[in-house]
Structures are given as C-alpha cells and as structure tokens.
Amino acid sequence: MELIAEHGSISAAGRALGMSYRRAWLLVEAMNTGFGRPVVEAQTGGRTGGGARLSAFGGAVVAQYRAIEAAAEASAAPFLARLRQPG
C-alpha cells in the first residue's frame, strides 16, 4: 500500500515489489473486500492516464499497521536481546 501511495499506481507498486500487475491487483481487491471499504481507489486519467491512490481509510490502515509494528518491536526487544546473549 505504501508503494501505491509513493508511485501512484498499482502496476508500478507491483513492479517495485517484483510481482505482476495481476498479483498486485488481486491483493488490493482482497484488502478492499476484506475491510469492507476501499483502501485503494482508482484515479481517473487525464493526459498522463489514470492511477491509484490510498483512500483516507487506506492511509489510516498503513499508519495503524506501522504503529502496531513499532509497538511489537519495542515489546519484543528485551526477549530478543536475551536470545542474543552467549551461553
């Protein structure tokens, strides 16, 4: 999703991840369906063609995911540090 926001298209985001447009599109459709509302929206084309962007909800999903990721990393740090100790 972050790469869609960065590149402005599903196909460019897919290329950046080394996946086909179809695979990227199916993942976006699965997220839109799973959340029951769009996380990615189509942009209508002009001279440069259309594209895609994150919906406001999609931006919130990314922000909350990154917050969960940071909290999990902070919570796990002491346990992982103990695993790195010799003996």
PDB file of N, CA and C in Angstrom:
ATOM      1  N   MET A   1       0.827  -1.188   0.000  1.00  0.00           N
ATOM      2  CA  MET A   1       0.000   0.000   0.000  1.00  0.00           C
ATOM      3  C   MET A   1       0.872   1.254   0.000  1.00  0.00           C
ATOM      4  N   GLU A   2       1.951   1.202   0.761  1.00  0.00           N
ATOM      5  CA  GLU A   2       2.824   2.377   0.808  1.00  0.00           C
ATOM      6  C   GLU A   2       3.441   2.662  -0.561  1.00  0.00           C
ATOM      7  N   LEU A   3       3.742   1.608  -1.315  1.00  0.00           N
ATOM      8  CA  LEU A   3       4.311   1.818  -2.643  1.00  0.00           C
ATOM      9  C   LEU A   3       3.267   2.328  -3.624  1.00  0.00           C
ATOM     10  N   ILE A   4       2.017   1.965  -3.441  1.00  0.00           N
ATOM     11  CA  ILE A   4       0.953   2.543  -4.269  1.00  0.00           C
ATOM     12  C   ILE A   4       0.882   4.034  -4.004  1.00  0.00           C
ATOM     13  N   ALA A   5       0.940   4.421  -2.732  1.00  0.00           N
ATOM     14  CA  ALA A   5       0.925   5.848  -2.387  1.00  0.00           C
ATOM     15  C   ALA A   5       2.138   6.558  -2.981  1.00  0.00           C
ATOM     16  N   GLU A   6       3.297   5.911  -2.937  1.00  0.00           N
ATOM     17  CA  GLU A   6       4.528   6.520  -3.441  1.00  0.00           C
ATOM     18  C   GLU A   6       4.541   6.640  -4.965  1.00  0.00           C
ATOM     19  N   HIS A   7       4.111   5.582  -5.654  1.00  0.00           N
ATOM     20  CA  HIS A   7       4.201   5.545  -7.115  1.00  0.00           C
ATOM     21  C   HIS A   7       2.934   6.007  -7.822  1.00  0.00           C
ATOM     22  N   GLY A   8       1.812   5.996  -7.129  1.00  0.00           N
ATOM     23  CA  GLY A   8       0.569   6.437  -7.746  1.00  0.00           C
ATOM     24  C   GLY A   8      -0.055   5.424  -8.686  1.00  0.00           C
ATOM     25  N   SER A   9       0.397   4.171  -8.615  1.00  0.00           N
ATOM     26  CA  SER A   9      -0.230   3.140  -9.439  1.00  0.00           C
ATOM     27  C   SER A   9       0.015   1.761  -8.849  1.00  0.00           C
ATOM     28  N   ILE A  10      -0.939   0.890  -9.119  1.00  0.00           N
ATOM     29  CA  ILE A  10      -0.815  -0.494  -8.661  1.00  0.00           C
ATOM     30  C   ILE A  10       0.279  -1.205  -9.448  1.00  0.00           C
ATOM     31  N   SER A  11       0.339  -0.952 -10.751  1.00  0.00           N
ATOM     32  CA  SER A  11       1.339  -1.646 -11.568  1.00  0.00           C
ATOM     33  C   SER A  11       2.761  -1.246 -11.177  1.00  0.00           C
ATOM     34  N   ALA A  12       3.001   0.037 -10.923  1.00  0.00           N
ATOM     35  CA  ALA A  12       4.344   0.479 -10.514  1.00  0.00           C
ATOM     36  C   ALA A  12       4.705  -0.070  -9.139  1.00  0.00           C
ATOM     37  N   ALA A  13       3.744  -0.122  -8.244  1.00  0.00           N
ATOM     38  CA  ALA A  13       3.997  -0.698  -6.918  1.00  0.00           C
ATOM     39  C   ALA A  13       4.318  -2.178  -7.052  1.00  0.00           C
ATOM     40  N   GLY A  14       3.574  -2.883  -7.892  1.00  0.00           N
ATOM     41  CA  GLY A  14       3.848  -4.293  -8.132  1.00  0.00           C
ATOM     42  C   GLY A  14       5.238  -4.511  -8.702  1.00  0.00           C
ATOM     43  N   ARG A  15       5.615  -3.699  -9.673  1.00  0.00           N
ATOM     44  CA  ARG A  15       6.961  -3.812 -10.262  1.00  0.00           C
ATOM     45  C   ARG A  15       8.032  -3.590  -9.200  1.00  0.00           C
ATOM     46  N   ALA A  16       7.828  -2.604  -8.345  1.00  0.00           N
ATOM     47  CA  ALA A  16       8.801  -2.308  -7.283  1.00  0.00           C
ATOM     48  C   ALA A  16       8.962  -3.498  -6.328  1.00  0.00           C
ATOM     49  N   LEU A  17       7.916  -4.287  -6.196  1.00  0.00           N
ATOM     50  CA  LEU A  17       7.952  -5.460  -5.322  1.00  0.00           C
ATOM     51  C   LEU A  17       8.301  -6.745  -6.076  1.00  0.00           C
ATOM     52  N   GLY A  18       8.499  -6.625  -7.383  1.00  0.00           N
ATOM     53  CA  GLY A  18       8.826  -7.796  -8.191  1.00  0.00           C
ATOM     54  C   GLY A  18       7.647  -8.722  -8.421  1.00  0.00           C
ATOM     55  N   MET A  19       6.444  -8.168  -8.450  1.00  0.00           N
ATOM     56  CA  MET A  19       5.269  -9.003  -8.699  1.00  0.00           C
ATOM     57  C   MET A  19       4.500  -8.483  -9.902  1.00  0.00           C
ATOM     58  N   SER A  20       3.694  -9.332 -10.465  1.00  0.00           N
ATOM     59  CA  SER A  20       2.908  -8.964 -11.628  1.00  0.00           C
ATOM     60  C   SER A  20       1.807  -7.976 -11.235  1.00  0.00           C
ATOM     61  N   TYR A  21       1.321  -7.258 -12.241  1.00  0.00           N
ATOM     62  CA  TYR A  21       0.193  -6.357 -12.004  1.00  0.00           C
ATOM     63  C   TYR A  21      -0.998  -7.160 -11.489  1.00  0.00           C
ATOM     64  N   ARG A  22      -1.242  -8.311 -12.092  1.00  0.00           N
ATOM     65  CA  ARG A  22      -2.402  -9.120 -11.683  1.00  0.00           C
ATOM     66  C   ARG A  22      -2.318  -9.500 -10.211  1.00  0.00           C
ATOM     67  N   ARG A  23      -1.163  -9.936  -9.767  1.00  0.00           N
ATOM     68  CA  ARG A  23      -0.987 -10.314  -8.355  1.00  0.00           C
ATOM     69  C   ARG A  23      -1.224  -9.105  -7.453  1.00  0.00           C
ATOM     70  N   ALA A  24      -0.638  -7.964  -7.816  1.00  0.00           N
ATOM     71  CA  ALA A  24      -0.816  -6.745  -7.020  1.00  0.00           C
ATOM     72  C   ALA A  24      -2.293  -6.343  -6.990  1.00  0.00           C
ATOM     73  N   TRP A  25      -2.948  -6.403  -8.133  1.00  0.00           N
ATOM     74  CA  TRP A  25      -4.355  -6.028  -8.219  1.00  0.00           C
ATOM     75  C   TRP A  25      -5.208  -6.958  -7.362  1.00  0.00           C
ATOM     76  N   LEU A  26      -4.924  -8.273  -7.412  1.00  0.00           N
ATOM     77  CA  LEU A  26      -5.684  -9.224  -6.594  1.00  0.00           C
ATOM     78  C   LEU A  26      -5.502  -8.951  -5.102  1.00  0.00           C
ATOM     79  N   LEU A  27      -4.299  -8.584  -4.695  1.00  0.00           N
ATOM     80  CA  LEU A  27      -4.059  -8.252  -3.288  1.00  0.00           C
ATOM     81  C   LEU A  27      -4.834  -7.001  -2.878  1.00  0.00           C
ATOM     82  N   VAL A  28      -4.848  -5.998  -3.744  1.00  0.00           N
ATOM     83  CA  VAL A  28      -5.616  -4.777  -3.460  1.00  0.00           C
ATOM     84  C   VAL A  28      -7.099  -5.109  -3.359  1.00  0.00           C
ATOM     85  N   GLU A  29      -7.604  -5.899  -4.288  1.00  0.00           N
ATOM     86  CA  GLU A  29      -9.020  -6.284  -4.249  1.00  0.00           C
ATOM     87  C   GLU A  29      -9.348  -7.059  -2.974  1.00  0.00           C
ATOM     88  N   ALA A  30      -8.437  -7.943  -2.557  1.00  0.00           N
ATOM     89  CA  ALA A  30      -8.657  -8.704  -1.325  1.00  0.00           C
ATOM     90  C   ALA A  30      -8.720  -7.771  -0.115  1.00  0.00           C
ATOM     91  N   MET A  31      -7.849  -6.762  -0.077  1.00  0.00           N
ATOM     92  CA  MET A  31      -7.886  -5.807   1.038  1.00  0.00           C
ATOM     93  C   MET A  31      -9.160  -4.976   1.000  1.00  0.00           C
ATOM     94  N   ASN A  32      -9.524  -4.478  -0.182  1.00  0.00           N
ATOM     95  CA  ASN A  32     -10.747  -3.682  -0.299  1.00  0.00           C
ATOM     96  C   ASN A  32     -11.964  -4.497   0.143  1.00  0.00           C
ATOM     97  N   THR A  33     -12.022  -5.757  -0.254  1.00  0.00           N
ATOM     98  CA  THR A  33     -13.136  -6.626   0.117  1.00  0.00           C
ATOM     99  C   THR A  33     -13.079  -6.984   1.598  1.00  0.00           C
ATOM    100  N   GLY A  34     -11.892  -7.347   2.070  1.00  0.00           N
ATOM    101  CA  GLY A  34     -11.738  -7.759   3.459  1.00  0.00           C
ATOM    102  C   GLY A  34     -12.088  -6.674   4.460  1.00  0.00           C
ATOM    103  N   PHE A  35     -11.724  -5.448   4.150  1.00  0.00           N
ATOM    104  CA  PHE A  35     -12.028  -4.343   5.052  1.00  0.00           C
ATOM    105  C   PHE A  35     -13.453  -3.826   4.862  1.00  0.00           C
ATOM    106  N   GLY A  36     -14.089  -4.237   3.782  1.00  0.00           N
ATOM    107  CA  GLY A  36     -15.461  -3.802   3.531  1.00  0.00           C
ATOM    108  C   GLY A  36     -15.572  -2.383   3.017  1.00  0.00           C
ATOM    109  N   ARG A  37     -14.452  -1.787   2.732  1.00  0.00           N
ATOM    110  CA  ARG A  37     -14.414  -0.449   2.128  1.00  0.00           C
ATOM    111  C   ARG A  37     -13.045  -0.278   1.482  1.00  0.00           C
ATOM    112  N   PRO A  38     -12.954   0.637   0.545  1.00  0.00           N
ATOM    113  CA  PRO A  38     -11.703   0.755  -0.215  1.00  0.00           C
ATOM    114  C   PRO A  38     -10.520   1.257   0.621  1.00  0.00           C
ATOM    115  N   VAL A  39      -9.406   0.573   0.465  1.00  0.00           N
ATOM    116  CA  VAL A  39      -8.139   1.077   0.988  1.00  0.00           C
ATOM    117  C   VAL A  39      -7.345   1.717  -0.146  1.00  0.00           C
ATOM    118  N   VAL A  40      -7.638   1.287  -1.364  1.00  0.00           N
ATOM    119  CA  VAL A  40      -7.029   1.854  -2.572  1.00  0.00           C
ATOM    120  C   VAL A  40      -8.155   2.238  -3.508  1.00  0.00           C
ATOM    121  N   GLU A  41      -8.033   3.421  -4.092  1.00  0.00           N
ATOM    122  CA  GLU A  41      -9.038   3.930  -5.017  1.00  0.00           C
ATOM    123  C   GLU A  41      -8.394   4.233  -6.360  1.00  0.00           C
ATOM    124  N   ALA A  42      -9.170   4.042  -7.413  1.00  0.00           N
ATOM    125  CA  ALA A  42      -8.704   4.395  -8.753  1.00  0.00           C
ATOM    126  C   ALA A  42      -8.762   5.900  -8.915  1.00  0.00           C
ATOM    127  N   GLN A  43      -7.802   6.436  -9.648  1.00  0.00           N
ATOM    128  CA  GLN A  43      -7.814   7.851 -10.023  1.00  0.00           C
ATOM    129  C   GLN A  43      -8.143   7.914 -11.510  1.00  0.00           C
ATOM    130  N   THR A  44      -9.030   8.794 -11.869  1.00  0.00           N
ATOM    131  CA  THR A  44      -9.373   8.912 -13.282  1.00  0.00           C
ATOM    132  C   THR A  44      -8.225   9.543 -14.039  1.00  0.00           C
ATOM    133  N   GLY A  45      -8.099   9.160 -15.279  1.00  0.00           N
ATOM    134  CA  GLY A  45      -6.969   9.608 -16.097  1.00  0.00           C
ATOM    135  C   GLY A  45      -7.189  10.973 -16.715  1.00  0.00           C
ATOM    136  N   GLY A  46      -6.113  11.575 -17.012  1.00  0.00           N
ATOM    137  CA  GLY A  46      -6.090  12.827 -17.762  1.00  0.00           C
ATOM    138  C   GLY A  46      -5.125  12.620 -18.902  1.00  0.00           C
ATOM    139  N   ARG A  47      -4.302  13.599 -19.171  1.00  0.00           N
ATOM    140  CA  ARG A  47      -3.299  13.451 -20.230  1.00  0.00           C
ATOM    141  C   ARG A  47      -2.305  12.339 -19.912  1.00  0.00           C
ATOM    142  N   THR A  48      -1.989  12.162 -18.630  1.00  0.00           N
ATOM    143  CA  THR A  48      -0.983  11.171 -18.241  1.00  0.00           C
ATOM    144  C   THR A  48      -1.593   9.830 -17.875  1.00  0.00           C
ATOM    145  N   GLY A  49      -2.903   9.678 -18.008  1.00  0.00           N
ATOM    146  CA  GLY A  49      -3.551   8.411 -17.680  1.00  0.00           C
ATOM    147  C   GLY A  49      -3.994   8.368 -16.238  1.00  0.00           C
ATOM    148  N   GLY A  50      -4.619   7.268 -15.876  1.00  0.00           N
ATOM    149  CA  GLY A  50      -5.127   7.109 -14.523  1.00  0.00           C
ATOM    150  C   GLY A  50      -4.068   6.582 -13.579  1.00  0.00           C
ATOM    151  N   GLY A  51      -4.522   6.110 -12.477  1.00  0.00           N
ATOM    152  CA  GLY A  51      -3.601   5.590 -11.485  1.00  0.00           C
ATOM    153  C   GLY A  51      -4.388   5.106 -10.287  1.00  0.00           C
ATOM    154  N   ALA A  52      -3.727   5.055  -9.171  1.00  0.00           N
ATOM    155  CA  ALA A  52      -4.372   4.619  -7.936  1.00  0.00           C
ATOM    156  C   ALA A  52      -3.793   5.416  -6.781  1.00  0.00           C
ATOM    157  N   ARG A  53      -4.582   5.523  -5.744  1.00  0.00           N
ATOM    158  CA  ARG A  53      -4.121   6.215  -4.533  1.00  0.00           C
ATOM    159  C   ARG A  53      -4.763   5.535  -3.334  1.00  0.00           C
ATOM    160  N   LEU A  54      -4.174   5.761  -2.186  1.00  0.00           N
ATOM    161  CA  LEU A  54      -4.773   5.253  -0.963  1.00  0.00           C
ATOM    162  C   LEU A  54      -5.974   6.116  -0.616  1.00  0.00           C
ATOM    163  N   SER A  55      -7.026   5.480  -0.162  1.00  0.00           N
ATOM    164  CA  SER A  55      -8.152   6.237   0.374  1.00  0.00           C
ATOM    165  C   SER A  55      -7.724   6.776   1.742  1.00  0.00           C
ATOM    166  N   ALA A  56      -8.537   7.654   2.299  1.00  0.00           N
ATOM    167  CA  ALA A  56      -8.240   8.141   3.654  1.00  0.00           C
ATOM    168  C   ALA A  56      -8.172   6.967   4.616  1.00  0.00           C
ATOM    169  N   PHE A  57      -9.083   6.012   4.452  1.00  0.00           N
ATOM    170  CA  PHE A  57      -9.073   4.822   5.298  1.00  0.00           C
ATOM    171  C   PHE A  57      -7.799   4.005   5.056  1.00  0.00           C
ATOM    172  N   GLY A  58      -7.369   3.883   3.805  1.00  0.00           N
ATOM    173  CA  GLY A  58      -6.135   3.162   3.492  1.00  0.00           C
ATOM    174  C   GLY A  58      -4.932   3.789   4.163  1.00  0.00           C
ATOM    175  N   GLY A  59      -4.872   5.112   4.169  1.00  0.00           N
ATOM    176  CA  GLY A  59      -3.789   5.809   4.862  1.00  0.00           C
ATOM    177  C   GLY A  59      -3.811   5.518   6.353  1.00  0.00           C
ATOM    178  N   ALA A  60      -5.016   5.456   6.925  1.00  0.00           N
ATOM    179  CA  ALA A  60      -5.149   5.137   8.354  1.00  0.00           C
ATOM    180  C   ALA A  60      -4.734   3.703   8.632  1.00  0.00           C
ATOM    181  N   VAL A  61      -5.049   2.777   7.728  1.00  0.00           N
ATOM    182  CA  VAL A  61      -4.645   1.380   7.887  1.00  0.00           C
ATOM    183  C   VAL A  61      -3.121   1.283   7.924  1.00  0.00           C
ATOM    184  N   VAL A  62      -2.454   1.968   7.002  1.00  0.00           N
ATOM    185  CA  VAL A  62      -0.992   1.953   6.965  1.00  0.00           C
ATOM    186  C   VAL A  62      -0.425   2.529   8.267  1.00  0.00           C
ATOM    187  N   ALA A  63      -0.952   3.648   8.705  1.00  0.00           N
ATOM    188  CA  ALA A  63      -0.454   4.291   9.925  1.00  0.00           C
ATOM    189  C   ALA A  63      -0.638   3.378  11.139  1.00  0.00           C
ATOM    190  N   GLN A  64      -1.794   2.745  11.252  1.00  0.00           N
ATOM    191  CA  GLN A  64      -2.043   1.851  12.388  1.00  0.00           C
ATOM    192  C   GLN A  64      -1.169   0.609  12.304  1.00  0.00           C
ATOM    193  N   TYR A  65      -0.965   0.085  11.106  1.00  0.00           N
ATOM    194  CA  TYR A  65      -0.086  -1.073  10.939  1.00  0.00           C
ATOM    195  C   TYR A  65       1.328  -0.734  11.394  1.00  0.00           C
ATOM    196  N   ARG A  66       1.840   0.411  10.980  1.00  0.00           N
ATOM    197  CA  ARG A  66       3.195   0.818  11.374  1.00  0.00           C
ATOM    198  C   ARG A  66       3.281   1.048  12.883  1.00  0.00           C
ATOM    199  N   ALA A  67       2.212   1.559  13.505  1.00  0.00           N
ATOM    200  CA  ALA A  67       2.200   1.751  14.961  1.00  0.00           C
ATOM    201  C   ALA A  67       2.221   0.393  15.672  1.00  0.00           C
ATOM    202  N   ILE A  68       1.459  -0.563  15.180  1.00  0.00           N
ATOM    203  CA  ILE A  68       1.452  -1.912  15.756  1.00  0.00           C
ATOM    204  C   ILE A  68       2.825  -2.547  15.601  1.00  0.00           C
ATOM    205  N   GLU A  69       3.423  -2.385  14.431  1.00  0.00           N
ATOM    206  CA  GLU A  69       4.751  -2.937  14.159  1.00  0.00           C
ATOM    207  C   GLU A  69       5.789  -2.367  15.130  1.00  0.00           C
ATOM    208  N   ALA A  70       5.759  -1.062  15.346  1.00  0.00           N
ATOM    209  CA  ALA A  70       6.712  -0.421  16.265  1.00  0.00           C
ATOM    210  C   ALA A  70       6.489  -0.892  17.700  1.00  0.00           C
ATOM    211  N   ALA A  71       5.233  -1.015  18.111  1.00  0.00           N
ATOM    212  CA  ALA A  71       4.930  -1.475  19.467  1.00  0.00           C
ATOM    213  C   ALA A  71       5.375  -2.919  19.671  1.00  0.00           C
ATOM    214  N   ALA A  72       5.176  -3.753  18.663  1.00  0.00           N
ATOM    215  CA  ALA A  72       5.599  -5.149  18.764  1.00  0.00           C
ATOM    216  C   ALA A  72       7.121  -5.252  18.832  1.00  0.00           C
ATOM    217  N   GLU A  73       7.793  -4.453  18.033  1.00  0.00           N
ATOM    218  CA  GLU A  73       9.265  -4.455  18.054  1.00  0.00           C
ATOM    219  C   GLU A  73       9.788  -4.020  19.422  1.00  0.00           C
ATOM    220  N   ALA A  74       9.206  -2.975  19.974  1.00  0.00           N
ATOM    221  CA  ALA A  74       9.634  -2.493  21.294  1.00  0.00           C
ATOM    222  C   ALA A  74       9.345  -3.535  22.374  1.00  0.00           C
ATOM    223  N   SER A  75       8.206  -4.183  22.295  1.00  0.00           N
ATOM    224  CA  SER A  75       7.857  -5.200  23.293  1.00  0.00           C
ATOM    225  C   SER A  75       8.753  -6.427  23.198  1.00  0.00           C
ATOM    226  N   ALA A  76       9.144  -6.784  22.003  1.00  0.00           N
ATOM    227  CA  ALA A  76       9.959  -7.984  21.800  1.00  0.00           C
ATOM    228  C   ALA A  76      11.441  -7.754  22.075  1.00  0.00           C
ATOM    229  N   ALA A  77      11.894  -6.507  22.061  1.00  0.00           N
ATOM    230  CA  ALA A  77      13.327  -6.199  22.173  1.00  0.00           C
ATOM    231  C   ALA A  77      14.004  -6.856  23.370  1.00  0.00           C
ATOM    232  N   PRO A  78      13.460  -6.783  24.582  1.00  0.00           N
ATOM    233  CA  PRO A  78      14.158  -7.406  25.713  1.00  0.00           C
ATOM    234  C   PRO A  78      14.288  -8.924  25.571  1.00  0.00           C
ATOM    235  N   PHE A  79      13.273  -9.564  25.019  1.00  0.00           N
ATOM    236  CA  PHE A  79      13.304 -11.012  24.832  1.00  0.00           C
ATOM    237  C   PHE A  79      14.328 -11.402  23.767  1.00  0.00           C
ATOM    238  N   LEU A  80      14.361 -10.646  22.691  1.00  0.00           N
ATOM    239  CA  LEU A  80      15.332 -10.918  21.637  1.00  0.00           C
ATOM    240  C   LEU A  80      16.757 -10.669  22.115  1.00  0.00           C
ATOM    241  N   ALA A  81      16.939  -9.656  22.946  1.00  0.00           N
ATOM    242  CA  ALA A  81      18.270  -9.373  23.496  1.00  0.00           C
ATOM    243  C   ALA A  81      18.765 -10.561  24.328  1.00  0.00           C
ATOM    244  N   ARG A  82      17.882 -11.158  25.114  1.00  0.00           N
ATOM    245  CA  ARG A  82      18.273 -12.326  25.919  1.00  0.00           C
ATOM    246  C   ARG A  82      18.665 -13.503  25.034  1.00  0.00           C
ATOM    247  N   LEU A  83      18.029 -13.654  23.905  1.00  0.00           N
ATOM    248  CA  LEU A  83      18.368 -14.747  22.993  1.00  0.00           C
ATOM    249  C   LEU A  83      19.719 -14.538  22.344  1.00  0.00           C
ATOM    250  N   ARG A  84      20.144 -13.287  22.224  1.00  0.00           N
ATOM    251  CA  ARG A  84      21.431 -12.974  21.603  1.00  0.00           C
ATOM    252  C   ARG A  84      22.605 -13.143  22.574  1.00  0.00           C
ATOM    253  N   GLN A  85      22.330 -13.239  23.856  1.00  0.00           N
ATOM    254  CA  GLN A  85      23.403 -13.365  24.854  1.00  0.00           C
ATOM    255  C   GLN A  85      24.043 -14.753  24.752  1.00  0.00           C
ATOM    256  N   PRO A  86      25.366 -14.806  24.824  1.00  0.00           N
ATOM    257  CA  PRO A  86      26.039 -16.109  24.741  1.00  0.00           C
ATOM    258  C   PRO A  86      25.729 -16.979  25.971  1.00  0.00           C
ATOM    259  N   GLY A  87      25.727 -18.287  25.726  1.00  0.00           N
ATOM    260  CA  GLY A  87      25.635 -19.273  26.788  1.00  0.00           C
ATOM    261  C   GLY A  87      24.376 -19.252  27.498  1.00  0.00           C
TER     262      GLY A  87
END
